[in-house]
Amino acid sequence: MRETSLETGEVDLGLVLAPLAMLPGDPTARLASGRFVRSTLTPEGPGTIAVA
């Protein structure tokens, strides 16, 4: 597992990341207050990204 942290300042995650998911019907993505999680299949196997 690899974890990367980047400081971005104040960002509206809903506005920036919503185009990556077909919310609310996308079962692979969750958008909550201040947190976006998306699962996907990669050539190396399943992967998940969490942005908070």
N, C-alpha and C. Protein backbone atom coordinates (compact mmCIF):
# COMPACT_ATOMS: atom_id res chain seq x y z
N MET A 1 0.84 -1.17 0.00
CA MET A 1 0.00 0.00 0.00
C MET A 1 0.89 1.24 0.00
N ARG A 2 0.47 2.24 -0.76
CA ARG A 2 1.21 3.48 -0.84
C ARG A 2 0.30 4.63 -0.41
N GLU A 3 0.82 5.54 0.37
CA GLU A 3 0.04 6.69 0.84
C GLU A 3 0.81 7.96 0.51
N THR A 4 0.10 8.92 -0.07
CA THR A 4 0.70 10.20 -0.42
C THR A 4 -0.16 11.32 0.14
N SER A 5 0.47 12.30 0.73
CA SER A 5 -0.26 13.46 1.27
C SER A 5 0.23 14.72 0.57
N LEU A 6 -0.73 15.55 0.17
CA LEU A 6 -0.42 16.84 -0.45
C LEU A 6 -1.25 17.92 0.22
N GLU A 7 -0.63 19.02 0.58
CA GLU A 7 -1.36 20.15 1.15
C GLU A 7 -1.94 20.97 0.01
N THR A 8 -3.26 21.17 0.02
CA THR A 8 -3.90 21.92 -1.06
C THR A 8 -4.63 23.16 -0.58
N GLY A 9 -4.74 23.34 0.72
CA GLY A 9 -5.50 24.48 1.23
C GLY A 9 -6.99 24.17 1.20
N GLU A 10 -7.80 25.20 1.16
CA GLU A 10 -9.25 25.03 1.16
C GLU A 10 -9.75 24.61 -0.22
N VAL A 11 -10.32 23.43 -0.33
CA VAL A 11 -10.84 22.92 -1.59
C VAL A 11 -12.23 22.35 -1.33
N ASP A 12 -13.18 22.67 -2.19
CA ASP A 12 -14.53 22.09 -2.11
C ASP A 12 -14.49 20.74 -2.82
N LEU A 13 -14.37 19.65 -2.04
CA LEU A 13 -14.24 18.32 -2.63
C LEU A 13 -15.45 17.95 -3.48
N GLY A 14 -16.63 18.34 -3.05
CA GLY A 14 -17.82 18.04 -3.84
C GLY A 14 -17.76 18.65 -5.22
N LEU A 15 -17.33 19.88 -5.29
CA LEU A 15 -17.25 20.59 -6.57
C LEU A 15 -16.13 20.02 -7.46
N VAL A 16 -15.00 19.74 -6.88
CA VAL A 16 -13.84 19.29 -7.65
C VAL A 16 -13.93 17.83 -8.06
N LEU A 17 -14.40 16.95 -7.17
CA LEU A 17 -14.33 15.51 -7.43
C LEU A 17 -15.64 14.86 -7.87
N ALA A 18 -16.75 15.55 -7.77
CA ALA A 18 -18.03 14.96 -8.18
C ALA A 18 -18.04 14.48 -9.63
N PRO A 19 -17.36 15.15 -10.57
CA PRO A 19 -17.35 14.64 -11.95
C PRO A 19 -16.71 13.25 -12.08
N LEU A 20 -15.94 12.81 -11.09
CA LEU A 20 -15.33 11.49 -11.14
C LEU A 20 -16.30 10.38 -10.78
N ALA A 21 -17.46 10.72 -10.30
CA ALA A 21 -18.46 9.73 -9.89
C ALA A 21 -19.82 10.14 -10.41
N MET A 22 -20.65 9.16 -10.62
CA MET A 22 -22.03 9.44 -11.02
C MET A 22 -22.90 9.38 -9.78
N LEU A 23 -22.61 10.27 -8.83
CA LEU A 23 -23.32 10.30 -7.56
C LEU A 23 -24.77 10.65 -7.76
N PRO A 24 -25.71 10.18 -7.01
CA PRO A 24 -25.57 9.25 -5.90
C PRO A 24 -25.64 7.78 -6.32
N GLY A 25 -25.80 7.49 -7.61
CA GLY A 25 -26.00 6.12 -8.03
C GLY A 25 -24.75 5.30 -8.26
N ASP A 26 -23.57 5.88 -8.12
CA ASP A 26 -22.32 5.16 -8.37
C ASP A 26 -21.93 4.35 -7.14
N PRO A 27 -21.97 3.00 -7.21
CA PRO A 27 -21.63 2.19 -6.04
C PRO A 27 -20.13 2.18 -5.74
N THR A 28 -19.31 2.72 -6.63
CA THR A 28 -17.86 2.70 -6.41
C THR A 28 -17.34 3.96 -5.74
N ALA A 29 -18.21 4.93 -5.49
CA ALA A 29 -17.76 6.21 -4.94
C ALA A 29 -18.64 6.65 -3.79
N ARG A 30 -18.01 7.30 -2.82
CA ARG A 30 -18.72 7.88 -1.69
C ARG A 30 -18.19 9.29 -1.46
N LEU A 31 -19.10 10.22 -1.34
CA LEU A 31 -18.75 11.60 -1.05
C LEU A 31 -19.45 12.00 0.23
N ALA A 32 -18.66 12.28 1.26
CA ALA A 32 -19.19 12.72 2.54
C ALA A 32 -18.54 14.06 2.87
N SER A 33 -18.95 14.66 3.94
CA SER A 33 -18.42 15.96 4.34
C SER A 33 -16.90 15.91 4.48
N GLY A 34 -16.20 16.53 3.54
CA GLY A 34 -14.76 16.60 3.61
C GLY A 34 -14.00 15.35 3.22
N ARG A 35 -14.67 14.36 2.62
CA ARG A 35 -13.99 13.10 2.27
C ARG A 35 -14.61 12.49 1.02
N PHE A 36 -13.77 12.06 0.07
CA PHE A 36 -14.20 11.39 -1.15
C PHE A 36 -13.43 10.08 -1.24
N VAL A 37 -14.14 8.97 -1.44
CA VAL A 37 -13.52 7.65 -1.57
C VAL A 37 -14.04 7.01 -2.85
N ARG A 38 -13.12 6.45 -3.64
CA ARG A 38 -13.50 5.79 -4.88
C ARG A 38 -12.69 4.52 -5.04
N SER A 39 -13.37 3.43 -5.41
CA SER A 39 -12.72 2.15 -5.67
C SER A 39 -12.75 1.88 -7.16
N THR A 40 -11.72 1.18 -7.65
CA THR A 40 -11.64 0.87 -9.07
C THR A 40 -10.75 -0.35 -9.27
N LEU A 41 -10.84 -0.93 -10.44
CA LEU A 41 -9.94 -2.01 -10.81
C LEU A 41 -8.78 -1.44 -11.60
N THR A 42 -7.58 -1.90 -11.29
CA THR A 42 -6.37 -1.48 -11.99
C THR A 42 -5.72 -2.72 -12.59
N PRO A 43 -4.75 -2.56 -13.48
CA PRO A 43 -4.04 -3.72 -14.01
C PRO A 43 -3.36 -4.57 -12.93
N GLU A 44 -3.05 -3.96 -11.78
CA GLU A 44 -2.41 -4.68 -10.69
C GLU A 44 -3.41 -5.21 -9.67
N GLY A 45 -4.71 -4.99 -9.87
CA GLY A 45 -5.75 -5.47 -8.95
C GLY A 45 -6.59 -4.31 -8.45
N PRO A 46 -7.47 -4.59 -7.49
CA PRO A 46 -8.35 -3.55 -6.96
C PRO A 46 -7.57 -2.44 -6.28
N GLY A 47 -8.12 -1.21 -6.38
CA GLY A 47 -7.48 -0.07 -5.72
C GLY A 47 -8.53 0.88 -5.19
N THR A 48 -8.15 1.64 -4.19
CA THR A 48 -9.03 2.63 -3.58
C THR A 48 -8.26 3.92 -3.37
N ILE A 49 -8.91 5.03 -3.66
CA ILE A 49 -8.34 6.34 -3.37
C ILE A 49 -9.26 7.05 -2.40
N ALA A 50 -8.68 7.64 -1.38
CA ALA A 50 -9.45 8.41 -0.40
C ALA A 50 -8.84 9.81 -0.34
N VAL A 51 -9.68 10.81 -0.55
CA VAL A 51 -9.24 12.21 -0.51
C VAL A 51 -10.00 12.88 0.61
N ALA A 52 -9.25 13.48 1.53
CA ALA A 52 -9.87 14.14 2.69
C ALA A 52 -9.32 15.54 2.84
